[in-house]
N, C-alpha and C. Protein backbone atom coordinates (compact mmCIF):
# COMPACT_ATOMS: atom_id res chain seq x y z
N MET A 1 10.45 3.01 19.56
CA MET A 1 9.23 3.72 19.29
C MET A 1 8.29 2.79 18.53
N SER A 2 7.02 2.80 18.91
CA SER A 2 6.03 1.99 18.20
C SER A 2 4.73 2.76 18.09
N PHE A 3 3.89 2.30 17.18
CA PHE A 3 2.67 3.02 16.84
C PHE A 3 1.49 2.06 16.86
N ASN A 4 0.30 2.62 17.06
CA ASN A 4 -0.94 1.84 17.00
C ASN A 4 -1.43 1.68 15.57
N GLY A 5 -0.99 2.56 14.68
CA GLY A 5 -1.45 2.49 13.31
C GLY A 5 -0.55 3.26 12.37
N ALA A 6 -0.62 2.91 11.10
CA ALA A 6 0.12 3.60 10.05
C ALA A 6 -0.80 3.72 8.84
N VAL A 7 -0.69 4.84 8.13
CA VAL A 7 -1.52 5.11 6.97
C VAL A 7 -0.61 5.51 5.81
N ALA A 8 -0.90 4.97 4.63
CA ALA A 8 -0.16 5.33 3.41
C ALA A 8 -1.16 5.42 2.27
N PHE A 9 -1.60 6.63 1.97
CA PHE A 9 -2.55 6.85 0.89
C PHE A 9 -1.83 7.32 -0.37
N TYR A 10 -2.03 6.60 -1.48
CA TYR A 10 -1.52 6.98 -2.79
C TYR A 10 -0.02 7.27 -2.77
N SER A 11 0.74 6.49 -2.01
CA SER A 11 2.17 6.79 -1.88
C SER A 11 3.08 5.59 -2.13
N VAL A 12 2.69 4.40 -1.71
CA VAL A 12 3.57 3.24 -1.80
C VAL A 12 4.04 3.02 -3.23
N PHE A 13 3.15 3.18 -4.19
CA PHE A 13 3.48 2.90 -5.59
C PHE A 13 4.34 3.98 -6.24
N HIS A 14 4.78 4.95 -5.46
CA HIS A 14 5.70 5.97 -5.98
C HIS A 14 7.13 5.71 -5.54
N ILE A 15 7.40 4.56 -4.97
CA ILE A 15 8.77 4.12 -4.70
C ILE A 15 8.99 2.80 -5.45
N PRO A 16 10.23 2.43 -5.73
CA PRO A 16 10.47 1.20 -6.50
C PRO A 16 9.81 -0.02 -5.85
N ARG A 17 9.11 -0.80 -6.65
CA ARG A 17 8.37 -1.92 -6.09
C ARG A 17 9.27 -2.97 -5.45
N GLU A 18 10.51 -3.04 -5.85
CA GLU A 18 11.44 -3.97 -5.22
C GLU A 18 11.64 -3.64 -3.75
N GLU A 19 11.36 -2.41 -3.37
CA GLU A 19 11.52 -1.97 -1.98
C GLU A 19 10.24 -2.15 -1.15
N HIS A 20 9.13 -2.50 -1.77
CA HIS A 20 7.86 -2.61 -1.05
C HIS A 20 7.86 -3.67 0.04
N PRO A 21 8.39 -4.89 -0.20
CA PRO A 21 8.39 -5.87 0.90
C PRO A 21 9.15 -5.36 2.13
N GLU A 22 10.29 -4.72 1.93
CA GLU A 22 11.05 -4.19 3.06
C GLU A 22 10.30 -3.05 3.73
N LEU A 23 9.63 -2.21 2.96
CA LEU A 23 8.82 -1.14 3.53
C LEU A 23 7.75 -1.72 4.46
N PHE A 24 7.01 -2.71 3.97
CA PHE A 24 5.96 -3.31 4.79
C PHE A 24 6.53 -4.04 6.01
N ARG A 25 7.71 -4.65 5.88
CA ARG A 25 8.35 -5.28 7.02
C ARG A 25 8.69 -4.25 8.09
N ARG A 26 9.20 -3.11 7.66
CA ARG A 26 9.53 -2.04 8.62
C ARG A 26 8.27 -1.51 9.31
N VAL A 27 7.22 -1.29 8.54
CA VAL A 27 5.96 -0.83 9.15
C VAL A 27 5.48 -1.85 10.16
N TYR A 28 5.54 -3.12 9.80
CA TYR A 28 5.13 -4.20 10.71
C TYR A 28 5.94 -4.11 12.01
N ASP A 29 7.24 -3.92 11.89
CA ASP A 29 8.10 -3.83 13.08
C ASP A 29 7.79 -2.61 13.93
N TRP A 30 7.37 -1.51 13.30
CA TRP A 30 7.06 -0.28 14.03
C TRP A 30 5.73 -0.37 14.78
N LEU A 31 4.84 -1.21 14.29
CA LEU A 31 3.51 -1.30 14.91
C LEU A 31 3.53 -2.10 16.20
N GLN A 32 2.72 -1.66 17.14
CA GLN A 32 2.50 -2.43 18.35
C GLN A 32 1.68 -3.67 18.00
N PRO A 33 1.75 -4.73 18.80
CA PRO A 33 0.88 -5.88 18.56
C PRO A 33 -0.58 -5.41 18.50
N GLY A 34 -1.29 -5.86 17.49
CA GLY A 34 -2.68 -5.44 17.29
C GLY A 34 -2.80 -4.15 16.49
N GLY A 35 -1.65 -3.54 16.10
CA GLY A 35 -1.67 -2.29 15.34
C GLY A 35 -2.15 -2.49 13.91
N TYR A 36 -2.60 -1.40 13.31
CA TYR A 36 -3.22 -1.43 11.98
C TYR A 36 -2.39 -0.71 10.93
N LEU A 37 -2.49 -1.22 9.71
CA LEU A 37 -1.97 -0.55 8.52
C LEU A 37 -3.16 -0.33 7.60
N LEU A 38 -3.35 0.91 7.16
CA LEU A 38 -4.39 1.25 6.19
C LEU A 38 -3.68 1.89 5.01
N CYS A 39 -3.80 1.30 3.83
CA CYS A 39 -3.07 1.84 2.69
C CYS A 39 -3.82 1.63 1.38
N THR A 40 -3.57 2.53 0.45
CA THR A 40 -4.05 2.34 -0.91
C THR A 40 -2.92 1.72 -1.71
N LEU A 41 -3.29 0.77 -2.56
CA LEU A 41 -2.32 0.08 -3.39
C LEU A 41 -2.80 0.14 -4.83
N THR A 42 -2.40 -0.80 -5.65
CA THR A 42 -2.85 -0.83 -7.03
C THR A 42 -3.43 -2.21 -7.33
N GLY A 43 -4.34 -2.24 -8.28
CA GLY A 43 -4.99 -3.49 -8.63
C GLY A 43 -4.22 -4.31 -9.63
N PHE A 44 -3.22 -3.73 -10.27
CA PHE A 44 -2.46 -4.43 -11.31
C PHE A 44 -1.00 -4.04 -11.20
N GLY A 45 -0.12 -4.93 -11.62
CA GLY A 45 1.31 -4.67 -11.56
C GLY A 45 1.81 -3.92 -12.78
N GLU A 46 2.79 -3.06 -12.55
CA GLU A 46 3.42 -2.32 -13.64
C GLU A 46 4.90 -2.16 -13.33
N GLU A 47 5.70 -2.32 -14.37
CA GLU A 47 7.12 -2.01 -14.23
C GLU A 47 7.25 -0.51 -13.99
N ALA A 48 8.41 -0.10 -13.54
CA ALA A 48 8.65 1.32 -13.25
C ALA A 48 8.46 2.18 -14.50
N TYR A 49 7.83 3.32 -14.31
CA TYR A 49 7.68 4.30 -15.38
C TYR A 49 7.49 5.69 -14.78
N THR A 50 7.68 6.70 -15.58
CA THR A 50 7.43 8.07 -15.15
C THR A 50 6.44 8.72 -16.11
N GLU A 51 5.73 9.69 -15.58
CA GLU A 51 4.83 10.51 -16.38
C GLU A 51 5.38 11.92 -16.28
N ASP A 52 5.63 12.54 -17.43
CA ASP A 52 6.29 13.85 -17.45
C ASP A 52 5.46 14.97 -16.85
N ASP A 53 4.15 14.93 -17.03
CA ASP A 53 3.32 16.04 -16.54
C ASP A 53 2.16 15.50 -15.72
N PHE A 54 2.43 15.17 -14.49
CA PHE A 54 1.40 14.72 -13.56
C PHE A 54 1.12 15.89 -12.62
N PHE A 55 0.09 16.65 -12.95
CA PHE A 55 -0.24 17.87 -12.21
C PHE A 55 0.95 18.83 -12.16
N GLY A 56 1.68 18.89 -13.28
CA GLY A 56 2.76 19.86 -13.41
C GLY A 56 4.13 19.38 -12.98
N VAL A 57 4.26 18.13 -12.54
CA VAL A 57 5.57 17.61 -12.14
C VAL A 57 5.78 16.22 -12.75
N THR A 58 7.02 15.80 -12.81
CA THR A 58 7.33 14.44 -13.23
C THR A 58 7.06 13.50 -12.07
N MET A 59 6.33 12.41 -12.33
CA MET A 59 5.95 11.48 -11.26
C MET A 59 6.39 10.07 -11.64
N TYR A 60 6.84 9.32 -10.64
CA TYR A 60 7.34 7.95 -10.80
C TYR A 60 6.32 6.96 -10.24
N TRP A 61 6.13 5.83 -10.93
CA TRP A 61 5.27 4.74 -10.46
C TRP A 61 6.02 3.42 -10.60
N SER A 62 5.73 2.52 -9.68
CA SER A 62 6.27 1.16 -9.73
C SER A 62 5.44 0.33 -8.76
N ASN A 63 4.76 -0.68 -9.25
CA ASN A 63 3.84 -1.38 -8.35
C ASN A 63 3.60 -2.83 -8.75
N TYR A 64 3.15 -3.58 -7.76
CA TYR A 64 2.68 -4.95 -7.95
C TYR A 64 1.16 -4.91 -8.07
N GLY A 65 0.57 -6.04 -8.38
CA GLY A 65 -0.88 -6.16 -8.39
C GLY A 65 -1.40 -6.46 -6.99
N LEU A 66 -2.70 -6.34 -6.81
CA LEU A 66 -3.31 -6.52 -5.49
C LEU A 66 -3.01 -7.89 -4.90
N GLU A 67 -3.13 -8.94 -5.67
CA GLU A 67 -2.89 -10.28 -5.12
C GLU A 67 -1.44 -10.43 -4.66
N ASP A 68 -0.50 -9.84 -5.40
CA ASP A 68 0.90 -9.86 -4.96
C ASP A 68 1.07 -9.09 -3.66
N TYR A 69 0.40 -7.94 -3.54
CA TYR A 69 0.48 -7.17 -2.29
C TYR A 69 -0.09 -7.96 -1.12
N LYS A 70 -1.20 -8.64 -1.34
CA LYS A 70 -1.78 -9.44 -0.26
C LYS A 70 -0.80 -10.52 0.19
N GLU A 71 -0.13 -11.14 -0.76
CA GLU A 71 0.85 -12.17 -0.44
C GLU A 71 2.03 -11.58 0.33
N ILE A 72 2.51 -10.43 -0.10
CA ILE A 72 3.62 -9.76 0.59
C ILE A 72 3.23 -9.41 2.02
N LEU A 73 2.07 -8.79 2.19
CA LEU A 73 1.62 -8.40 3.53
C LEU A 73 1.45 -9.61 4.44
N THR A 74 0.90 -10.68 3.91
CA THR A 74 0.71 -11.90 4.70
C THR A 74 2.06 -12.53 5.06
N ARG A 75 2.97 -12.56 4.11
CA ARG A 75 4.31 -13.11 4.37
C ARG A 75 5.02 -12.32 5.46
N VAL A 76 4.86 -11.00 5.45
CA VAL A 76 5.46 -10.16 6.49
C VAL A 76 4.87 -10.49 7.86
N GLY A 77 3.60 -10.90 7.90
CA GLY A 77 2.96 -11.25 9.17
C GLY A 77 1.62 -10.61 9.41
N PHE A 78 1.19 -9.72 8.52
CA PHE A 78 -0.09 -9.04 8.68
C PHE A 78 -1.26 -9.99 8.42
N ASN A 79 -2.37 -9.73 9.08
CA ASN A 79 -3.66 -10.31 8.73
C ASN A 79 -4.39 -9.28 7.87
N ILE A 80 -4.87 -9.68 6.70
CA ILE A 80 -5.65 -8.79 5.85
C ILE A 80 -7.08 -8.82 6.38
N LEU A 81 -7.56 -7.69 6.89
CA LEU A 81 -8.90 -7.63 7.46
C LEU A 81 -9.96 -7.26 6.43
N GLU A 82 -9.61 -6.36 5.52
CA GLU A 82 -10.59 -5.90 4.54
C GLU A 82 -9.88 -5.28 3.35
N THR A 83 -10.49 -5.47 2.19
CA THR A 83 -10.02 -4.82 0.97
C THR A 83 -11.25 -4.31 0.24
N THR A 84 -11.22 -3.05 -0.16
CA THR A 84 -12.31 -2.46 -0.91
C THR A 84 -11.72 -1.52 -1.95
N MET A 85 -12.49 -1.15 -2.94
CA MET A 85 -12.01 -0.23 -3.97
C MET A 85 -12.50 1.18 -3.66
N ILE A 86 -11.60 2.15 -3.86
CA ILE A 86 -11.95 3.56 -3.67
C ILE A 86 -11.51 4.35 -4.90
N GLY A 87 -12.03 5.56 -5.02
CA GLY A 87 -11.71 6.43 -6.14
C GLY A 87 -10.26 6.87 -6.15
N HIS A 88 -9.92 7.57 -7.19
CA HIS A 88 -8.53 7.95 -7.43
C HIS A 88 -7.99 9.00 -6.48
N GLY A 89 -8.82 9.80 -5.87
CA GLY A 89 -8.36 10.77 -4.89
C GLY A 89 -8.00 12.14 -5.44
N TYR A 90 -8.12 12.35 -6.75
CA TYR A 90 -7.79 13.64 -7.31
C TYR A 90 -8.87 14.65 -6.99
N THR A 91 -8.47 15.88 -6.75
CA THR A 91 -9.45 16.93 -6.45
C THR A 91 -9.77 17.78 -7.67
N GLU A 92 -9.15 17.49 -8.77
CA GLU A 92 -9.43 18.20 -10.01
C GLU A 92 -9.48 17.18 -11.15
N PRO A 93 -10.02 17.56 -12.29
CA PRO A 93 -10.10 16.61 -13.40
C PRO A 93 -8.73 16.05 -13.75
N HIS A 94 -8.69 14.80 -14.09
CA HIS A 94 -7.46 14.11 -14.44
C HIS A 94 -7.75 13.23 -15.64
N HIS A 95 -6.71 12.84 -16.33
CA HIS A 95 -6.92 12.05 -17.55
C HIS A 95 -7.42 10.63 -17.27
N VAL A 96 -7.45 10.18 -16.02
CA VAL A 96 -7.97 8.85 -15.69
C VAL A 96 -9.04 9.00 -14.61
N PRO A 97 -10.19 9.63 -14.95
CA PRO A 97 -11.19 9.92 -13.92
C PRO A 97 -11.85 8.68 -13.32
N THR A 98 -11.76 7.54 -13.98
CA THR A 98 -12.38 6.33 -13.43
C THR A 98 -11.38 5.43 -12.72
N GLU A 99 -10.16 5.89 -12.54
CA GLU A 99 -9.14 5.09 -11.86
C GLU A 99 -9.56 4.80 -10.43
N ASN A 100 -9.42 3.56 -10.02
CA ASN A 100 -9.73 3.15 -8.65
C ASN A 100 -8.53 2.43 -8.05
N HIS A 101 -8.46 2.45 -6.73
CA HIS A 101 -7.36 1.80 -6.01
C HIS A 101 -7.91 0.93 -4.91
N PRO A 102 -7.28 -0.23 -4.68
CA PRO A 102 -7.65 -1.03 -3.52
C PRO A 102 -7.24 -0.30 -2.23
N LEU A 103 -8.14 -0.26 -1.29
CA LEU A 103 -7.85 0.24 0.06
C LEU A 103 -7.77 -1.00 0.94
N VAL A 104 -6.62 -1.21 1.56
CA VAL A 104 -6.37 -2.43 2.33
C VAL A 104 -6.21 -2.08 3.80
N LEU A 105 -6.95 -2.79 4.63
CA LEU A 105 -6.80 -2.70 6.09
C LEU A 105 -6.17 -3.99 6.56
N ALA A 106 -4.98 -3.87 7.15
CA ALA A 106 -4.26 -5.04 7.65
C ALA A 106 -3.92 -4.81 9.12
N GLN A 107 -3.74 -5.90 9.84
CA GLN A 107 -3.46 -5.79 11.27
C GLN A 107 -2.30 -6.70 11.64
N LYS A 108 -1.41 -6.15 12.46
CA LYS A 108 -0.37 -6.97 13.07
C LYS A 108 -1.04 -7.80 14.16
N PRO A 109 -0.79 -9.10 14.19
CA PRO A 109 -1.44 -9.92 15.21
C PRO A 109 -1.11 -9.44 16.62
N SER A 110 -2.02 -9.70 17.54
CA SER A 110 -1.79 -9.40 18.95
C SER A 110 -0.62 -10.24 19.45
N ALA A 111 -0.04 -9.86 20.57
CA ALA A 111 1.11 -10.58 21.13
C ALA A 111 0.80 -12.06 21.22
N GLY A 112 1.77 -12.87 20.84
CA GLY A 112 1.60 -14.30 20.94
C GLY A 112 0.99 -14.96 19.73
N ARG A 113 0.55 -14.16 18.74
CA ARG A 113 -0.06 -14.72 17.52
C ARG A 113 0.78 -14.33 16.32
N ARG A 114 1.00 -15.26 15.43
CA ARG A 114 1.65 -14.99 14.16
C ARG A 114 0.86 -15.69 13.07
N THR A 115 0.77 -15.05 11.91
CA THR A 115 0.05 -15.68 10.80
C THR A 115 1.02 -16.35 9.84
N ALA A 116 2.23 -15.89 9.78
CA ALA A 116 3.19 -16.45 8.83
C ALA A 116 4.56 -16.52 9.46
């Protein structure tokens, strides 16, 4: 099974960051040549931590910084097409109203092309 695109909004950084390279490798393998990955990441790295009351539930975070993510995606084989900053995505007031996340558009090369 393969896909033309994959999307991961505000989710990657909620799994252990040590698993992120393997996650992106799997997504790369699932995509058809020329397929796209669109995902929100984080601009700075943080060791694993939890927040006890994140909209009423305990939430886990673990992430690398944007430059590390770009390196991981490139090493896996993606071409980084665009990176821009977007808002936090909350629909109600939150304690970090100015939080922004990098939105990354990456593409698996077409058949016969590899970047790394």
